[in-house]
Amino acid sequence: MVSNLIALTLALTAGGLLGAFFFGSLWWTVRKGLASEQPAYWFLGGMILRISLTLAAFYYTCGEDWRRWSLCLVGFVLARHLVSRLIRMPAEPQKFQPPAISYAP
């Protein structure tokens, strides 16, 4: 019972770490690809590397237990939300607009 709970907790944690890796490296790849003269290499290479490493780690971590797969996926999705909040671009500062003055009587 305790070892099963530990395995499920590790699956959730592994899913969070895999999600942080996946979405963090996606953000990094997009930034590098947009600044590159050959962005296709960055996007294609990054996609292949991200997906293959993430899937291999999912299979290694979860095995054949559907509960571990579910918790790993939950951790992955939670990491997606966390990474998207952390890398969100700051909003443009509001420019001061003086009120319109009417000179008509």
C-alpha atoms as a PDB file:
ATOM      1  CA  MET A   1       0.000   0.000   0.000  1.00  0.00           C
ATOM      2  CA  VAL A   2       2.713   2.481   0.971  1.00  0.00           C
ATOM      3  CA  SER A   3       4.965   1.533  -1.949  1.00  0.00           C
ATOM      4  CA  ASN A   4       1.991   1.925  -4.306  1.00  0.00           C
ATOM      5  CA  LEU A   5       1.328   5.406  -2.929  1.00  0.00           C
ATOM      6  CA  ILE A   6       4.989   6.310  -3.346  1.00  0.00           C
ATOM      7  CA  ALA A   7       4.936   5.061  -6.951  1.00  0.00           C
ATOM      8  CA  LEU A   8       1.856   7.165  -7.713  1.00  0.00           C
ATOM      9  CA  THR A   9       3.407  10.237  -6.092  1.00  0.00           C
ATOM     10  CA  LEU A  10       6.585   9.731  -8.110  1.00  0.00           C
ATOM     11  CA  ALA A  11       4.510   9.414 -11.288  1.00  0.00           C
ATOM     12  CA  LEU A  12       2.801  12.742 -10.561  1.00  0.00           C
ATOM     13  CA  THR A  13       6.150  14.382  -9.849  1.00  0.00           C
ATOM     14  CA  ALA A  14       7.728  12.873 -12.954  1.00  0.00           C
ATOM     15  CA  GLY A  15       4.830  14.155 -15.050  1.00  0.00           C
ATOM     16  CA  GLY A  16       5.371  17.642 -13.676  1.00  0.00           C
ATOM     17  CA  LEU A  17       9.081  17.516 -14.423  1.00  0.00           C
ATOM     18  CA  LEU A  18       8.455  16.150 -17.909  1.00  0.00           C
ATOM     19  CA  GLY A  19       5.917  18.884 -18.573  1.00  0.00           C
ATOM     20  CA  ALA A  20       8.337  21.546 -17.354  1.00  0.00           C
ATOM     21  CA  PHE A  21      11.025  20.108 -19.628  1.00  0.00           C
ATOM     22  CA  PHE A  22       8.689  19.797 -22.634  1.00  0.00           C
ATOM     23  CA  PHE A  23       7.067  23.221 -22.492  1.00  0.00           C
ATOM     24  CA  GLY A  24      10.184  25.016 -21.318  1.00  0.00           C
ATOM     25  CA  SER A  25      12.189  23.594 -24.194  1.00  0.00           C
ATOM     26  CA  LEU A  26       9.337  24.421 -26.574  1.00  0.00           C
ATOM     27  CA  TRP A  27       9.525  28.056 -25.477  1.00  0.00           C
ATOM     28  CA  TRP A  28      13.321  28.032 -25.846  1.00  0.00           C
ATOM     29  CA  THR A  29      13.110  26.437 -29.311  1.00  0.00           C
ATOM     30  CA  VAL A  30      10.602  29.011 -30.545  1.00  0.00           C
ATOM     31  CA  ARG A  31      12.777  31.885 -29.335  1.00  0.00           C
ATOM     32  CA  LYS A  32      15.892  30.404 -30.973  1.00  0.00           C
ATOM     33  CA  GLY A  33      14.045  29.447 -34.146  1.00  0.00           C
ATOM     34  CA  LEU A  34      12.572  32.903 -34.679  1.00  0.00           C
ATOM     35  CA  ALA A  35      16.015  34.492 -34.354  1.00  0.00           C
ATOM     36  CA  SER A  36      17.676  31.962 -36.664  1.00  0.00           C
ATOM     37  CA  GLU A  37      18.276  32.135 -40.402  1.00  0.00           C
ATOM     38  CA  GLN A  38      17.229  28.462 -40.656  1.00  0.00           C
ATOM     39  CA  PRO A  39      14.204  28.153 -38.307  1.00  0.00           C
ATOM     40  CA  ALA A  40      13.025  24.855 -39.812  1.00  0.00           C
ATOM     41  CA  TYR A  41      16.035  23.054 -38.332  1.00  0.00           C
ATOM     42  CA  TRP A  42      15.275  24.422 -34.875  1.00  0.00           C
ATOM     43  CA  PHE A  43      11.573  23.602 -35.013  1.00  0.00           C
ATOM     44  CA  LEU A  44      11.908  20.133 -36.534  1.00  0.00           C
ATOM     45  CA  GLY A  45      14.912  19.115 -34.451  1.00  0.00           C
ATOM     46  CA  GLY A  46      13.378  20.484 -31.270  1.00  0.00           C
ATOM     47  CA  MET A  47      10.087  18.719 -31.906  1.00  0.00           C
ATOM     48  CA  ILE A  48      11.711  15.347 -32.547  1.00  0.00           C
ATOM     49  CA  LEU A  49      13.966  15.637 -29.501  1.00  0.00           C
ATOM     50  CA  ARG A  50      11.196  16.861 -27.163  1.00  0.00           C
ATOM     51  CA  ILE A  51       8.662  14.241 -28.181  1.00  0.00           C
ATOM     52  CA  SER A  52      11.080  11.311 -28.180  1.00  0.00           C
ATOM     53  CA  LEU A  53      12.589  12.135 -24.781  1.00  0.00           C
ATOM     54  CA  THR A  54       9.193  12.820 -23.213  1.00  0.00           C
ATOM     55  CA  LEU A  55       7.589   9.632 -24.530  1.00  0.00           C
ATOM     56  CA  ALA A  56      10.572   7.513 -23.513  1.00  0.00           C
ATOM     57  CA  ALA A  57      10.436   8.973 -20.003  1.00  0.00           C
ATOM     58  CA  PHE A  58       6.658   8.393 -19.813  1.00  0.00           C
ATOM     59  CA  TYR A  59       7.095   4.734 -20.763  1.00  0.00           C
ATOM     60  CA  TYR A  60       9.996   4.279 -18.355  1.00  0.00           C
ATOM     61  CA  THR A  61       8.165   5.972 -15.477  1.00  0.00           C
ATOM     62  CA  CYS A  62       4.683   4.524 -15.908  1.00  0.00           C
ATOM     63  CA  GLY A  63       5.172   1.038 -17.255  1.00  0.00           C
ATOM     64  CA  GLU A  64       1.819  -0.678 -17.726  1.00  0.00           C
ATOM     65  CA  ASP A  65      -0.064   0.847 -14.779  1.00  0.00           C
ATOM     66  CA  TRP A  66      -2.920   3.048 -15.980  1.00  0.00           C
ATOM     67  CA  ARG A  67      -3.006   4.918 -12.643  1.00  0.00           C
ATOM     68  CA  ARG A  68       0.611   5.998 -13.044  1.00  0.00           C
ATOM     69  CA  TRP A  69      -0.114   7.064 -16.626  1.00  0.00           C
ATOM     70  CA  SER A  70      -3.072   9.141 -15.442  1.00  0.00           C
ATOM     71  CA  LEU A  71      -1.141  10.867 -12.674  1.00  0.00           C
ATOM     72  CA  CYS A  72       1.854  11.453 -14.913  1.00  0.00           C
ATOM     73  CA  LEU A  73      -0.447  13.101 -17.456  1.00  0.00           C
ATOM     74  CA  VAL A  74      -2.037  15.251 -14.715  1.00  0.00           C
ATOM     75  CA  GLY A  75       1.421  16.426 -13.638  1.00  0.00           C
ATOM     76  CA  PHE A  76       2.291  17.124 -17.279  1.00  0.00           C
ATOM     77  CA  VAL A  77      -0.800  19.306 -17.779  1.00  0.00           C
ATOM     78  CA  LEU A  78      -0.255  21.135 -14.476  1.00  0.00           C
ATOM     79  CA  ALA A  79       3.304  21.905 -15.540  1.00  0.00           C
ATOM     80  CA  ARG A  80       1.960  23.285 -18.804  1.00  0.00           C
ATOM     81  CA  HIS A  81      -0.164  25.797 -16.928  1.00  0.00           C
ATOM     82  CA  LEU A  82       2.700  26.712 -14.623  1.00  0.00           C
ATOM     83  CA  VAL A  83       5.205  27.199 -17.454  1.00  0.00           C
ATOM     84  CA  SER A  84       2.743  29.257 -19.491  1.00  0.00           C
ATOM     85  CA  ARG A  85       2.212  31.549 -16.489  1.00  0.00           C
ATOM     86  CA  LEU A  86       5.931  31.903 -15.869  1.00  0.00           C
ATOM     87  CA  ILE A  87       6.884  32.774 -19.444  1.00  0.00           C
ATOM     88  CA  ARG A  88       3.947  35.021 -20.231  1.00  0.00           C
ATOM     89  CA  MET A  89       5.077  38.223 -21.866  1.00  0.00           C
ATOM     90  CA  PRO A  90       4.453  41.311 -19.775  1.00  0.00           C
ATOM     91  CA  ALA A  91       1.564  43.419 -20.932  1.00  0.00           C
ATOM     92  CA  GLU A  92       2.339  46.673 -22.664  1.00  0.00           C
ATOM     93  CA  PRO A  93       2.324  49.578 -20.261  1.00  0.00           C
ATOM     94  CA  GLN A  94      -0.749  51.737 -20.575  1.00  0.00           C
ATOM     95  CA  LYS A  95       0.001  55.055 -22.208  1.00  0.00           C
ATOM     96  CA  PHE A  96      -1.520  58.079 -20.581  1.00  0.00           C
ATOM     97  CA  GLN A  97      -4.365  59.513 -22.632  1.00  0.00           C
ATOM     98  CA  PRO A  98      -5.326  63.021 -21.545  1.00  0.00           C
ATOM     99  CA  PRO A  99      -9.052  63.575 -21.392  1.00  0.00           C
ATOM    100  CA  ALA A 100     -10.573  65.255 -24.436  1.00  0.00           C
ATOM    101  CA  ILE A 101     -11.246  68.926 -23.835  1.00  0.00           C
ATOM    102  CA  SER A 102     -14.204  70.484 -25.520  1.00  0.00           C
ATOM    103  CA  TYR A 103     -14.080  74.222 -26.194  1.00  0.00           C
ATOM    104  CA  ALA A 104     -17.598  74.455 -27.549  1.00  0.00           C
ATOM    105  CA  PRO A 105     -20.069  76.431 -25.393  1.00  0.00           C
END
